[in-house]
């Protein structure tokens, strides 16, 4: 499986608002990635979700 590469794209995507709960340790890691790559927390979360879904073994 390939590694997740965080992309700093300014692409605007349509979205759906939904509230989720994130464990504190996961939140901290996501915030660190967001700050490190200079992109929004939301974009990091979406990239992680897309990567997980694309690499899901069923």
Protein backbone atom coordinates (compact mmCIF):
# COMPACT_ATOMS: atom_id res chain seq x y z
CA UNK A 1 0.00 0.00 0.00
CA UNK A 2 1.32 3.44 -0.86
CA UNK A 3 1.84 6.09 1.80
CA UNK A 4 -0.55 8.98 2.26
CA UNK A 5 0.86 12.21 0.83
CA UNK A 6 -0.82 15.39 2.08
CA UNK A 7 -1.53 17.66 -0.88
CA UNK A 8 -1.61 21.43 -0.61
CA UNK A 9 -4.24 22.06 -3.26
CA UNK A 10 -6.48 25.09 -3.46
CA UNK A 11 -9.19 23.06 -5.19
CA UNK A 12 -12.67 23.95 -4.00
CA UNK A 13 -14.92 20.94 -3.52
CA UNK A 14 -18.59 20.61 -2.78
CA UNK A 15 -19.22 19.32 0.70
CA UNK A 16 -21.79 18.17 3.19
CA UNK A 17 -21.75 19.50 6.75
CA UNK A 18 -21.66 16.76 9.37
CA UNK A 19 -20.52 16.75 12.98
CA UNK A 20 -18.15 13.96 14.03
CA UNK A 21 -16.29 13.14 17.22
CA UNK A 22 -12.54 12.61 17.03
CA UNK A 23 -10.34 11.13 19.74
CA UNK A 24 -8.01 13.75 21.27
CA UNK A 25 -4.82 12.02 20.08
CA UNK A 26 -6.12 11.80 16.50
CA UNK A 27 -7.20 15.44 16.65
CA UNK A 28 -3.70 16.52 17.72
CA UNK A 29 -2.05 14.55 14.89
CA UNK A 30 -4.48 16.01 12.34
CA UNK A 31 -3.85 19.54 13.65
CA UNK A 32 -0.08 19.01 13.41
CA UNK A 33 -0.43 17.88 9.79
CA UNK A 34 -2.64 20.86 9.02
CA UNK A 35 -0.11 23.31 10.44
CA UNK A 36 2.90 21.54 8.93
CA UNK A 37 1.44 21.60 5.41
CA UNK A 38 -0.31 24.97 5.67
CA UNK A 39 -3.75 23.64 4.81
CA UNK A 40 -7.02 23.53 6.66
CA UNK A 41 -7.87 20.88 9.20
CA UNK A 42 -10.86 19.98 7.03
CA UNK A 43 -8.69 19.30 3.97
CA UNK A 44 -6.37 17.05 5.98
CA UNK A 45 -9.34 15.07 7.35
CA UNK A 46 -10.85 14.70 3.87
CA UNK A 47 -7.56 13.51 2.39
CA UNK A 48 -7.18 10.96 5.18
CA UNK A 49 -10.72 9.68 4.67
CA UNK A 50 -10.28 9.44 0.88
CA UNK A 51 -7.00 7.57 1.32
CA UNK A 52 -8.54 5.14 3.81
CA UNK A 53 -11.52 4.45 1.58
CA UNK A 54 -9.35 3.99 -1.52
CA UNK A 55 -7.14 1.51 0.33
CA UNK A 56 -9.84 -0.34 2.23
CA UNK A 57 -9.59 -4.10 1.95
CA UNK A 58 -13.01 -5.71 2.03
